[in-house]
Protein backbone atom coordinates (compact mmCIF):
# COMPACT_ATOMS: atom_id res chain seq x y z
CA MET A 1 8.07 -9.04 -14.76
CA LYS A 2 11.22 -7.15 -15.60
CA ARG A 3 13.99 -7.15 -13.00
CA ARG A 4 14.57 -3.51 -12.13
CA GLN A 5 17.68 -1.81 -10.81
CA VAL A 6 15.53 -0.29 -8.05
CA GLY A 7 12.52 -2.53 -7.42
CA ASN A 8 11.08 -0.83 -4.32
CA LEU A 9 7.74 0.87 -5.11
CA LEU A 10 8.88 3.81 -3.00
CA GLY A 11 11.37 4.43 -5.81
CA LEU A 12 8.48 4.72 -8.26
CA ALA A 13 6.81 7.33 -6.03
CA VAL A 14 10.09 9.28 -5.75
CA LEU A 15 10.51 9.28 -9.54
CA SER A 16 6.91 10.42 -9.95
CA TYR A 17 7.28 13.40 -7.61
CA LEU A 18 10.71 14.36 -8.95
CA SER A 19 9.22 14.36 -12.45
CA ARG A 20 7.12 17.33 -11.26
CA ALA A 21 9.89 19.29 -9.51
CA PRO A 22 13.34 18.79 -7.97
CA MET A 23 13.24 18.16 -4.19
CA HIS A 24 15.40 17.11 -1.29
CA PRO A 25 14.51 13.87 0.55
CA TYR A 26 12.92 15.64 3.54
CA GLU A 27 10.65 17.57 1.16
CA LEU A 28 9.84 14.33 -0.68
CA SER A 29 8.87 12.70 2.62
CA LYS A 30 6.59 15.61 3.51
CA THR A 31 5.01 15.56 0.04
CA LEU A 32 4.39 11.80 0.19
CA ARG A 33 2.67 12.17 3.56
CA ASN A 34 0.66 15.26 2.56
CA HIS A 35 -0.65 13.50 -0.54
CA GLY A 36 -1.68 10.39 1.43
CA ASP A 37 0.88 8.13 -0.25
CA ALA A 38 1.70 6.57 3.12
CA ARG A 39 -1.65 4.75 2.72
CA SER A 40 -0.35 3.01 -0.42
CA ILE A 41 3.43 2.81 0.06
CA LYS A 42 5.18 1.83 3.28
CA PHE A 43 8.12 4.09 4.07
CA ASN A 44 10.03 5.98 6.72
CA HIS A 45 12.76 8.63 6.51
CA GLY A 46 15.55 6.02 6.49
CA SER A 47 14.01 3.94 3.70
CA LEU A 48 13.32 7.08 1.66
CA TYR A 49 16.94 8.27 1.88
CA MET A 50 18.14 4.77 0.96
CA VAL A 51 15.87 4.62 -2.11
CA VAL A 52 17.00 8.07 -3.26
CA GLN A 53 20.62 6.85 -3.03
CA GLN A 54 19.74 3.71 -5.02
CA LEU A 55 18.02 5.81 -7.69
CA ALA A 56 21.08 8.09 -7.87
CA LYS A 57 23.42 5.10 -8.20
CA ALA A 58 21.23 3.73 -11.03
CA GLY A 59 21.38 7.10 -12.81
CA PHE A 60 17.63 7.77 -12.47
CA VAL A 61 18.09 10.87 -10.30
CA ALA A 62 20.99 13.29 -9.92
CA GLU A 63 22.04 15.96 -7.48
CA GLN A 64 20.89 19.38 -8.63
CA GLU A 65 22.28 21.41 -5.75
CA VAL A 66 23.28 21.30 -2.11
CA ASN A 67 21.92 24.08 0.07
CA ARG A 68 21.95 25.05 3.73
CA GLU A 69 19.51 27.28 5.61
CA GLY A 70 20.94 28.84 8.77
CA ALA A 71 22.25 26.26 11.22
CA ARG A 72 20.38 23.40 9.58
CA PRO A 73 22.35 20.54 8.00
CA GLU A 74 23.05 20.59 4.26
CA ARG A 75 20.23 19.39 2.05
CA THR A 76 20.83 17.82 -1.33
CA VAL A 77 18.18 18.61 -3.92
CA TYR A 78 17.65 15.84 -6.48
CA GLN A 79 16.21 16.05 -9.97
CA ILE A 80 15.00 13.26 -12.23
CA THR A 81 17.20 12.35 -15.22
CA ASP A 82 16.06 11.37 -18.72
CA ALA A 83 16.82 7.74 -17.79
CA GLY A 84 14.65 8.22 -14.69
CA ARG A 85 11.74 9.54 -16.76
CA ALA A 86 12.02 6.54 -19.07
CA GLU A 87 12.15 4.18 -16.08
CA LEU A 88 9.11 5.85 -14.49
CA ARG A 89 6.99 5.44 -17.63
CA ASP A 90 8.16 1.87 -18.30
CA TRP A 91 7.58 0.79 -14.70
CA LEU A 92 4.10 2.34 -14.60
CA ARG A 93 3.15 0.71 -17.91
CA GLU A 94 4.18 -2.66 -16.48
CA LEU A 95 2.30 -2.22 -13.19
CA VAL A 96 -0.89 -0.97 -14.86
CA GLY A 97 -0.90 -3.48 -17.73
CA GLU A 98 0.42 -6.72 -16.21
CA PRO A 99 -1.24 -8.43 -13.24
CA GLN A 100 1.25 -9.61 -10.64
CA HIS A 101 1.07 -12.39 -8.11
CA GLU A 102 0.97 -10.60 -4.79
CA TYR A 103 1.30 -12.09 -1.32
CA PRO A 104 -1.27 -10.47 1.00
CA ALA A 105 -0.91 -11.47 4.66
CA PHE A 106 -4.60 -12.44 4.90
CA VAL A 107 -4.22 -14.96 2.05
CA SER A 108 -1.25 -16.49 3.90
CA ALA A 109 -3.32 -16.71 7.08
CA LEU A 110 -6.23 -18.35 5.22
CA SER A 111 -3.89 -21.01 3.83
CA MET A 112 -3.09 -22.08 7.43
CA ILE A 113 -6.36 -21.21 9.17
CA ALA A 114 -7.15 -24.86 9.98
CA ALA A 115 -4.48 -24.68 12.72
CA LEU A 116 -7.00 -22.63 14.72
CA SER A 117 -10.31 -23.90 16.03
CA PRO A 118 -13.44 -22.60 14.27
CA ASN A 119 -14.61 -21.43 17.72
CA GLU A 120 -11.62 -19.07 17.66
CA VAL A 121 -11.85 -18.17 13.96
CA VAL A 122 -15.48 -17.00 13.96
CA PRO A 123 -14.97 -14.15 16.47
CA LEU A 124 -11.65 -13.25 14.82
CA LEU A 125 -13.42 -12.85 11.49
CA GLY A 126 -16.01 -10.70 13.27
CA ASN A 127 -13.15 -8.49 14.47
CA ARG A 128 -11.84 -8.36 10.92
CA LEU A 129 -15.23 -7.16 9.65
CA ASP A 130 -15.18 -4.38 12.27
CA GLY A 131 -11.69 -3.37 11.13
CA LEU A 132 -12.72 -3.41 7.47
CA ALA A 133 -15.73 -1.22 8.29
CA ALA A 134 -13.35 1.30 9.90
CA GLN A 135 -11.02 1.19 6.87
CA ARG A 136 -13.99 1.69 4.56
CA ALA A 137 -15.17 4.70 6.56
CA GLU A 138 -11.66 6.18 6.44
CA ALA A 139 -11.33 5.69 2.67
CA SER A 140 -14.83 7.12 2.09
CA HIS A 141 -13.93 10.12 4.26
CA GLU A 142 -10.71 10.69 2.27
CA ILE A 143 -12.68 10.67 -0.98
CA GLN A 144 -15.40 12.96 0.36
CA GLN A 145 -12.89 15.48 1.72
CA ALA A 146 -10.90 15.49 -1.52
CA GLU A 147 -14.06 15.96 -3.61
CA GLN A 148 -15.10 18.90 -1.42
CA GLN A 149 -11.69 20.45 -2.06
CA GLY A 150 -12.23 20.08 -5.81
CA VAL A 151 -9.72 17.26 -6.38
CA PRO A 152 -10.41 15.76 -9.84
CA PRO A 153 -11.63 12.11 -9.80
CA LEU A 154 -8.46 10.99 -11.62
CA PHE A 155 -6.46 11.71 -8.46
CA LEU A 156 -8.80 9.66 -6.28
CA ILE A 157 -8.72 6.38 -8.19
CA GLU A 158 -6.48 4.59 -5.68
CA GLU A 159 -8.97 5.34 -2.88
CA VAL A 160 -11.89 4.14 -5.03
CA TYR A 161 -9.89 0.97 -5.78
CA ARG A 162 -9.18 0.55 -2.06
CA LEU A 163 -12.96 0.77 -1.39
CA SER A 164 -13.64 -1.89 -4.03
CA LEU A 165 -11.09 -4.23 -2.44
CA ILE A 166 -12.58 -3.67 1.02
CA ASP A 167 -16.08 -4.38 -0.30
CA ALA A 168 -14.87 -7.58 -1.98
CA GLU A 169 -13.13 -8.72 1.22
CA VAL A 170 -16.20 -7.97 3.35
CA ALA A 171 -18.35 -10.08 0.97
CA TYR A 172 -15.76 -12.88 1.10
CA VAL A 173 -15.59 -12.89 4.93
CA HIS A 174 -19.41 -13.05 5.18
CA ASP A 175 -19.40 -15.98 2.75
CA LEU A 176 -16.60 -17.67 4.70
CA LEU A 177 -18.54 -17.29 7.96
CA ALA A 178 -21.57 -18.93 6.33
CA ARG A 179 -19.40 -21.82 5.12
CA ILE A 180 -17.81 -22.28 8.54
CA LYS A 181 -21.30 -23.03 9.91
CA GLU A 182 -21.31 -26.06 7.56
CA TRP A 183 -17.74 -27.20 8.25
CA GLY A 184 -17.63 -26.17 11.90
CA PRO A 185 -18.56 -29.46 13.61
CA MET A 186 -15.98 -31.52 11.69
CA TRP A 187 -13.31 -28.81 12.02
CA ALA A 188 -13.93 -28.35 15.76
CA GLU A 189 -13.84 -32.11 16.29
CA ALA A 190 -10.33 -32.18 14.79
CA HIS A 191 -9.36 -29.79 17.60
CA GLY A 192 -11.10 -31.96 20.22
CA GLU A 193 -13.87 -29.39 20.65
CA GLU A 194 -17.57 -29.03 20.07
CA PHE A 195 -18.49 -26.34 17.54
CA LYS A 196 -20.23 -23.42 19.22
CA PRO A 197 -21.48 -21.05 16.52
CA GLU A 198 -22.42 -17.62 17.77
């Protein structure tokens, strides 16, 4: 992985939207939310303004104009630079073409799960399945709504990917629950308990 001047994925989203049209940070924030990017990229107004400043310092975006409407504060409109367009394409090529080692919170929890009793873990995994079902319903609803509005499938691929990940996790959790039935007695004994499968 290449070390980037601005490594926050929010920066990639900003470059992507500025490649379509110049905007001020408030408009960028609204656009990110309206397009559902908050489901893929964590951000708030403060982090967005900070990333825009980092991109400007790196020469990837530049001020186009400063305007004021009525009594509102001044708003700086930013545009992408040629260096920013090159960075956008290079960064996307890397993310699409090269798998990265990611650190999902659930994987971290699984690596330490033995610290809990299986009598505690089984119902927690049941809760997780309920949560995943809700996430799946939400992602399916997003896709269905977008399709009804005529959004081309190309612009729904992240939601389809999200569904695939949810389905894979649901299958994994069901498999894990089946395995816990085998390991449960020994695992519970280590906690000074008797295994009580539901």
